[in-house]
């Protein structure tokens, strides 16, 4: 069995500045670091993590490093776990983005890339490529392994849709809060969604 823990990074400076993040490389805030430390403590108590992978963007990498410090592991950076490439929108305030690149019905089509970035289909294919290679390398029906992936809200949502073979155009959403995590178990019989957007570590470690 392969047990997956899908973690979103803690609060970043981009969150509190009201800016589009995506590929904009904002670090964690002090609160974000505190959230990550609480998650690290929680995971160290309730889950034995064998391996941890992360997006190389600062907010995800730092979250992974704080978890790794607690569980005595080293994070492995994977470019495919980066957030959707939002091109020219990265770093803009929402107001600036709406003025420079207004949302039109045509731009919402899944095959239209964001200005200077990826389309939804591009994003899905990147995540699909990662997942199938990861599954081939990590899944062993006769071995139990727990792997933590630290990434971004959009990446995690797309990864869950990929694992459960949902279509690209779907209204089903998998939101994730700051340091929220999803737990999925993969067996030879398929995938089971155990926990979604779990945030109890933020309540238990006050």
C-alpha atoms as a PDB file:
ATOM      1  CA  UNK A   1       0.000   0.000   0.000  1.00  0.00           C
ATOM      2  CA  UNK A   2       1.154   3.502  -0.806  1.00  0.00           C
ATOM      3  CA  UNK A   3      -0.077   6.135   1.616  1.00  0.00           C
ATOM      4  CA  UNK A   4       0.070   9.678   0.258  1.00  0.00           C
ATOM      5  CA  UNK A   5       0.027  12.812   2.395  1.00  0.00           C
ATOM      6  CA  UNK A   6      -0.546  15.831   0.148  1.00  0.00           C
ATOM      7  CA  UNK A   7       0.417  19.039   1.976  1.00  0.00           C
ATOM      8  CA  UNK A   8      -0.145  22.647   0.987  1.00  0.00           C
ATOM      9  CA  UNK A   9       2.464  25.167   2.136  1.00  0.00           C
ATOM     10  CA  UNK A  10       1.860  27.550   5.020  1.00  0.00           C
ATOM     11  CA  UNK A  11       0.763  31.155   4.713  1.00  0.00           C
ATOM     12  CA  UNK A  12       3.033  33.094   2.348  1.00  0.00           C
ATOM     13  CA  UNK A  13       3.759  36.770   1.940  1.00  0.00           C
ATOM     14  CA  UNK A  14       1.864  36.693  -1.351  1.00  0.00           C
ATOM     15  CA  UNK A  15      -1.270  35.641   0.560  1.00  0.00           C
ATOM     16  CA  UNK A  16      -1.270  38.669   2.826  1.00  0.00           C
ATOM     17  CA  UNK A  17      -0.246  41.082   0.057  1.00  0.00           C
ATOM     18  CA  UNK A  18      -3.236  40.069  -2.043  1.00  0.00           C
ATOM     19  CA  UNK A  19      -1.132  39.114  -5.054  1.00  0.00           C
ATOM     20  CA  UNK A  20      -1.293  36.337  -7.590  1.00  0.00           C
ATOM     21  CA  UNK A  21       1.213  33.727  -6.548  1.00  0.00           C
ATOM     22  CA  UNK A  22       1.532  30.872  -9.012  1.00  0.00           C
ATOM     23  CA  UNK A  23       5.189  31.051 -10.023  1.00  0.00           C
ATOM     24  CA  UNK A  24       5.829  34.248  -8.028  1.00  0.00           C
ATOM     25  CA  UNK A  25       8.318  33.002  -5.434  1.00  0.00           C
ATOM     26  CA  UNK A  26       7.112  34.430  -2.130  1.00  0.00           C
ATOM     27  CA  UNK A  27       8.512  33.090   1.180  1.00  0.00           C
ATOM     28  CA  UNK A  28       6.472  32.003   4.163  1.00  0.00           C
ATOM     29  CA  UNK A  29       5.318  34.559   6.710  1.00  0.00           C
ATOM     30  CA  UNK A  30       6.095  34.085  10.405  1.00  0.00           C
ATOM     31  CA  UNK A  31       2.600  32.655  10.779  1.00  0.00           C
ATOM     32  CA  UNK A  32       3.253  30.337   7.850  1.00  0.00           C
ATOM     33  CA  UNK A  33       6.390  28.998   9.526  1.00  0.00           C
ATOM     34  CA  UNK A  34       4.455  28.487  12.766  1.00  0.00           C
ATOM     35  CA  UNK A  35       1.751  26.581  10.866  1.00  0.00           C
ATOM     36  CA  UNK A  36       4.370  24.371   9.242  1.00  0.00           C
ATOM     37  CA  UNK A  37       6.012  23.601  12.581  1.00  0.00           C
ATOM     38  CA  UNK A  38       2.649  22.589  14.038  1.00  0.00           C
ATOM     39  CA  UNK A  39       2.038  20.327  11.064  1.00  0.00           C
ATOM     40  CA  UNK A  40       5.516  18.841  11.432  1.00  0.00           C
ATOM     41  CA  UNK A  41       4.824  17.995  15.069  1.00  0.00           C
ATOM     42  CA  UNK A  42       1.465  16.442  14.176  1.00  0.00           C
ATOM     43  CA  UNK A  43       2.839  14.332  11.316  1.00  0.00           C
ATOM     44  CA  UNK A  44       5.764  13.130  13.437  1.00  0.00           C
ATOM     45  CA  UNK A  45       3.320  11.788  16.035  1.00  0.00           C
ATOM     46  CA  UNK A  46       0.625  10.252  13.813  1.00  0.00           C
ATOM     47  CA  UNK A  47       2.394   9.245  10.595  1.00  0.00           C
ATOM     48  CA  UNK A  48       5.686   7.541   9.869  1.00  0.00           C
ATOM     49  CA  UNK A  49       6.858   9.310   6.730  1.00  0.00           C
ATOM     50  CA  UNK A  50       9.372   7.414   4.615  1.00  0.00           C
ATOM     51  CA  UNK A  51      10.020  10.029   1.927  1.00  0.00           C
ATOM     52  CA  UNK A  52       9.141  13.669   1.329  1.00  0.00           C
ATOM     53  CA  UNK A  53       9.049  15.523  -1.979  1.00  0.00           C
ATOM     54  CA  UNK A  54       8.374  19.207  -2.562  1.00  0.00           C
ATOM     55  CA  UNK A  55       7.983  21.977  -5.071  1.00  0.00           C
ATOM     56  CA  UNK A  56      11.161  24.080  -5.304  1.00  0.00           C
ATOM     57  CA  UNK A  57       9.223  27.331  -4.792  1.00  0.00           C
ATOM     58  CA  UNK A  58      10.195  28.964  -1.484  1.00  0.00           C
ATOM     59  CA  UNK A  59       6.868  28.652   0.302  1.00  0.00           C
ATOM     60  CA  UNK A  60       6.596  24.909  -0.357  1.00  0.00           C
ATOM     61  CA  UNK A  61      10.285  24.138   0.070  1.00  0.00           C
ATOM     62  CA  UNK A  62      10.440  25.865   3.478  1.00  0.00           C
ATOM     63  CA  UNK A  63       7.313  24.028   4.633  1.00  0.00           C
ATOM     64  CA  UNK A  64       8.908  20.737   3.584  1.00  0.00           C
ATOM     65  CA  UNK A  65      12.192  21.636   5.304  1.00  0.00           C
ATOM     66  CA  UNK A  66      10.405  22.319   8.586  1.00  0.00           C
ATOM     67  CA  UNK A  67       8.619  18.962   8.371  1.00  0.00           C
ATOM     68  CA  UNK A  68      11.886  17.228   7.478  1.00  0.00           C
ATOM     69  CA  UNK A  69      13.688  18.808  10.403  1.00  0.00           C
ATOM     70  CA  UNK A  70      11.193  17.164  12.743  1.00  0.00           C
ATOM     71  CA  UNK A  71      11.164  13.732  11.100  1.00  0.00           C
ATOM     72  CA  UNK A  72      14.879  13.635  10.264  1.00  0.00           C
ATOM     73  CA  UNK A  73      14.496  13.349   6.503  1.00  0.00           C
ATOM     74  CA  UNK A  74      15.765  15.350   3.537  1.00  0.00           C
ATOM     75  CA  UNK A  75      13.264  16.853   1.066  1.00  0.00           C
ATOM     76  CA  UNK A  76      13.582  16.009  -2.613  1.00  0.00           C
ATOM     77  CA  UNK A  77      12.716  18.905  -4.931  1.00  0.00           C
ATOM     78  CA  UNK A  78      10.535  18.122  -7.939  1.00  0.00           C
ATOM     79  CA  UNK A  79       9.849  20.805 -10.545  1.00  0.00           C
ATOM     80  CA  UNK A  80       6.629  19.099 -11.630  1.00  0.00           C
ATOM     81  CA  UNK A  81       5.106  19.900  -8.229  1.00  0.00           C
ATOM     82  CA  UNK A  82       5.272  23.650  -8.836  1.00  0.00           C
ATOM     83  CA  UNK A  83       2.031  25.619  -8.969  1.00  0.00           C
ATOM     84  CA  UNK A  84       0.330  26.251 -12.304  1.00  0.00           C
ATOM     85  CA  UNK A  85       2.444  28.586 -14.412  1.00  0.00           C
ATOM     86  CA  UNK A  86       0.437  31.814 -14.351  1.00  0.00           C
ATOM     87  CA  UNK A  87       2.903  33.658 -16.571  1.00  0.00           C
ATOM     88  CA  UNK A  88       2.487  37.435 -16.605  1.00  0.00           C
ATOM     89  CA  UNK A  89       0.000  37.330 -13.709  1.00  0.00           C
ATOM     90  CA  UNK A  90       2.644  36.194 -11.224  1.00  0.00           C
ATOM     91  CA  UNK A  91       3.220  38.862  -8.582  1.00  0.00           C
ATOM     92  CA  UNK A  92       0.468  41.187  -9.768  1.00  0.00           C
ATOM     93  CA  UNK A  93      -2.230  42.364  -7.394  1.00  0.00           C
ATOM     94  CA  UNK A  94      -5.678  41.082  -8.290  1.00  0.00           C
ATOM     95  CA  UNK A  95      -6.674  44.598  -9.338  1.00  0.00           C
ATOM     96  CA  UNK A  96      -3.614  44.970 -11.585  1.00  0.00           C
ATOM     97  CA  UNK A  97      -4.246  41.583 -13.161  1.00  0.00           C
ATOM     98  CA  UNK A  98      -7.894  42.397 -13.873  1.00  0.00           C
ATOM     99  CA  UNK A  99      -6.885  45.620 -15.620  1.00  0.00           C
ATOM    100  CA  UNK A 100      -4.008  44.201 -17.670  1.00  0.00           C
ATOM    101  CA  UNK A 101      -5.437  40.769 -18.403  1.00  0.00           C
ATOM    102  CA  UNK A 102      -9.226  40.873 -17.970  1.00  0.00           C
ATOM    103  CA  UNK A 103     -10.969  37.531 -17.752  1.00  0.00           C
ATOM    104  CA  UNK A 104     -13.017  36.789 -20.864  1.00  0.00           C
ATOM    105  CA  UNK A 105     -15.075  33.683 -21.734  1.00  0.00           C
ATOM    106  CA  UNK A 106     -12.441  32.754 -24.313  1.00  0.00           C
ATOM    107  CA  UNK A 107      -9.628  32.920 -21.751  1.00  0.00           C
ATOM    108  CA  UNK A 108     -11.499  30.484 -19.504  1.00  0.00           C
ATOM    109  CA  UNK A 109     -11.310  27.702 -22.086  1.00  0.00           C
ATOM    110  CA  UNK A 110      -9.170  24.841 -20.816  1.00  0.00           C
ATOM    111  CA  UNK A 111      -6.910  24.903 -23.877  1.00  0.00           C
ATOM    112  CA  UNK A 112      -6.145  28.644 -23.647  1.00  0.00           C
ATOM    113  CA  UNK A 113      -2.905  29.326 -21.731  1.00  0.00           C
ATOM    114  CA  UNK A 114      -2.771  32.084 -19.166  1.00  0.00           C
ATOM    115  CA  UNK A 115      -0.877  35.086 -20.596  1.00  0.00           C
ATOM    116  CA  UNK A 116       2.714  33.870 -20.775  1.00  0.00           C
ATOM    117  CA  UNK A 117       1.872  30.689 -18.846  1.00  0.00           C
ATOM    118  CA  UNK A 118       0.145  27.311 -18.958  1.00  0.00           C
ATOM    119  CA  UNK A 119      -3.335  26.270 -19.993  1.00  0.00           C
ATOM    120  CA  UNK A 120      -5.407  24.012 -17.732  1.00  0.00           C
ATOM    121  CA  UNK A 121      -4.670  21.125 -20.107  1.00  0.00           C
ATOM    122  CA  UNK A 122      -0.921  21.879 -19.992  1.00  0.00           C
ATOM    123  CA  UNK A 123      -1.095  21.853 -16.200  1.00  0.00           C
ATOM    124  CA  UNK A 124      -3.016  18.570 -16.119  1.00  0.00           C
ATOM    125  CA  UNK A 125      -0.559  16.905 -18.480  1.00  0.00           C
ATOM    126  CA  UNK A 126       2.382  18.012 -16.333  1.00  0.00           C
ATOM    127  CA  UNK A 127       0.746  16.564 -13.227  1.00  0.00           C
ATOM    128  CA  UNK A 128      -0.300  13.409 -15.102  1.00  0.00           C
ATOM    129  CA  UNK A 129       3.286  12.863 -16.217  1.00  0.00           C
ATOM    130  CA  UNK A 130       4.548  13.268 -12.672  1.00  0.00           C
ATOM    131  CA  UNK A 131       1.924  10.976 -11.182  1.00  0.00           C
ATOM    132  CA  UNK A 132       2.319   8.046 -13.563  1.00  0.00           C
ATOM    133  CA  UNK A 133       6.107   8.005 -13.194  1.00  0.00           C
ATOM    134  CA  UNK A 134       5.833   8.434  -9.421  1.00  0.00           C
ATOM    135  CA  UNK A 135       3.300   5.594  -9.167  1.00  0.00           C
ATOM    136  CA  UNK A 136       5.432   3.253 -11.267  1.00  0.00           C
ATOM    137  CA  UNK A 137       8.464   3.942  -9.081  1.00  0.00           C
ATOM    138  CA  UNK A 138       6.828   4.006  -5.660  1.00  0.00           C
ATOM    139  CA  UNK A 139       3.858   1.636  -5.637  1.00  0.00           C
ATOM    140  CA  UNK A 140       4.414  -1.896  -4.437  1.00  0.00           C
ATOM    141  CA  UNK A 141       1.336  -3.879  -3.459  1.00  0.00           C
ATOM    142  CA  UNK A 142       3.409  -5.935  -1.000  1.00  0.00           C
ATOM    143  CA  UNK A 143       5.076  -3.006   0.755  1.00  0.00           C
ATOM    144  CA  UNK A 144       3.606  -0.243   2.914  1.00  0.00           C
ATOM    145  CA  UNK A 145       5.157   3.142   2.298  1.00  0.00           C
ATOM    146  CA  UNK A 146       4.126   6.647   3.377  1.00  0.00           C
ATOM    147  CA  UNK A 147       5.171   9.502   1.118  1.00  0.00           C
ATOM    148  CA  UNK A 148       4.551  13.199   1.730  1.00  0.00           C
ATOM    149  CA  UNK A 149       4.252  15.644  -1.170  1.00  0.00           C
ATOM    150  CA  UNK A 150       4.455  19.333  -0.269  1.00  0.00           C
ATOM    151  CA  UNK A 151       3.092  21.584  -2.980  1.00  0.00           C
ATOM    152  CA  UNK A 152       0.461  24.213  -3.754  1.00  0.00           C
ATOM    153  CA  UNK A 153      -3.311  24.401  -3.695  1.00  0.00           C
ATOM    154  CA  UNK A 154      -3.741  24.180  -7.458  1.00  0.00           C
ATOM    155  CA  UNK A 155      -1.200  21.397  -7.831  1.00  0.00           C
ATOM    156  CA  UNK A 156      -2.743  19.344  -5.056  1.00  0.00           C
ATOM    157  CA  UNK A 157      -6.238  19.745  -6.493  1.00  0.00           C
ATOM    158  CA  UNK A 158      -5.025  18.706  -9.943  1.00  0.00           C
ATOM    159  CA  UNK A 159      -3.121  15.765  -8.502  1.00  0.00           C
ATOM    160  CA  UNK A 160      -6.204  14.466  -6.688  1.00  0.00           C
ATOM    161  CA  UNK A 161      -8.237  14.796  -9.891  1.00  0.00           C
ATOM    162  CA  UNK A 162      -5.512  12.862 -11.702  1.00  0.00           C
ATOM    163  CA  UNK A 163      -5.362  10.068  -9.112  1.00  0.00           C
ATOM    164  CA  UNK A 164      -9.150   9.620  -9.206  1.00  0.00           C
ATOM    165  CA  UNK A 165      -9.251   9.948 -13.005  1.00  0.00           C
ATOM    166  CA  UNK A 166     -11.627  12.900 -13.056  1.00  0.00           C
ATOM    167  CA  UNK A 167     -12.011  14.717 -16.381  1.00  0.00           C
ATOM    168  CA  UNK A 168     -10.095  17.927 -16.996  1.00  0.00           C
ATOM    169  CA  UNK A 169     -13.271  20.035 -17.259  1.00  0.00           C
ATOM    170  CA  UNK A 170     -14.950  19.303 -13.924  1.00  0.00           C
ATOM    171  CA  UNK A 171     -16.739  21.359 -11.290  1.00  0.00           C
ATOM    172  CA  UNK A 172     -15.456  19.114  -8.498  1.00  0.00           C
ATOM    173  CA  UNK A 173     -13.027  21.044  -6.294  1.00  0.00           C
ATOM    174  CA  UNK A 174     -10.478  20.044  -3.663  1.00  0.00           C
ATOM    175  CA  UNK A 175      -9.576  23.225  -1.751  1.00  0.00           C
ATOM    176  CA  UNK A 176      -6.710  23.202   0.725  1.00  0.00           C
ATOM    177  CA  UNK A 177      -6.030  25.710   3.507  1.00  0.00           C
ATOM    178  CA  UNK A 178      -2.617  26.819   4.766  1.00  0.00           C
ATOM    179  CA  UNK A 179      -0.759  23.593   5.746  1.00  0.00           C
ATOM    180  CA  UNK A 180      -3.932  21.613   5.131  1.00  0.00           C
ATOM    181  CA  UNK A 181      -3.324  18.038   4.026  1.00  0.00           C
ATOM    182  CA  UNK A 182      -5.154  15.274   2.189  1.00  0.00           C
ATOM    183  CA  UNK A 183      -4.620  11.583   2.927  1.00  0.00           C
ATOM    184  CA  UNK A 184      -5.019   9.023   0.134  1.00  0.00           C
ATOM    185  CA  UNK A 185      -4.301   5.309   0.269  1.00  0.00           C
ATOM    186  CA  UNK A 186      -3.341   3.506  -2.949  1.00  0.00           C
ATOM    187  CA  UNK A 187      -3.744  -0.265  -3.131  1.00  0.00           C
ATOM    188  CA  UNK A 188      -3.893  -2.774  -5.956  1.00  0.00           C
ATOM    189  CA  UNK A 189      -7.666  -2.328  -5.793  1.00  0.00           C
ATOM    190  CA  UNK A 190      -7.556   1.431  -6.389  1.00  0.00           C
ATOM    191  CA  UNK A 191      -7.371   4.695  -4.470  1.00  0.00           C
ATOM    192  CA  UNK A 192      -9.242   5.587  -1.274  1.00  0.00           C
ATOM    193  CA  UNK A 193      -9.718   9.200  -0.153  1.00  0.00           C
ATOM    194  CA  UNK A 194      -9.263   9.084   3.635  1.00  0.00           C
ATOM    195  CA  UNK A 195      -8.958  12.732   4.720  1.00  0.00           C
ATOM    196  CA  UNK A 196      -9.542  16.012   2.960  1.00  0.00           C
ATOM    197  CA  UNK A 197      -8.062  19.422   3.823  1.00  0.00           C
ATOM    198  CA  UNK A 198      -7.226  18.297   7.343  1.00  0.00           C
ATOM    199  CA  UNK A 199      -6.311  21.246   9.580  1.00  0.00           C
ATOM    200  CA  UNK A 200      -6.662  19.739  13.032  1.00  0.00           C
ATOM    201  CA  UNK A 201      -2.955  20.217  13.743  1.00  0.00           C
ATOM    202  CA  UNK A 202      -3.596  23.959  13.913  1.00  0.00           C
ATOM    203  CA  UNK A 203      -6.137  23.374  16.693  1.00  0.00           C
ATOM    204  CA  UNK A 204      -4.229  20.751  18.662  1.00  0.00           C
ATOM    205  CA  UNK A 205      -0.945  22.639  18.925  1.00  0.00           C
ATOM    206  CA  UNK A 206      -1.956  26.030  20.289  1.00  0.00           C
END
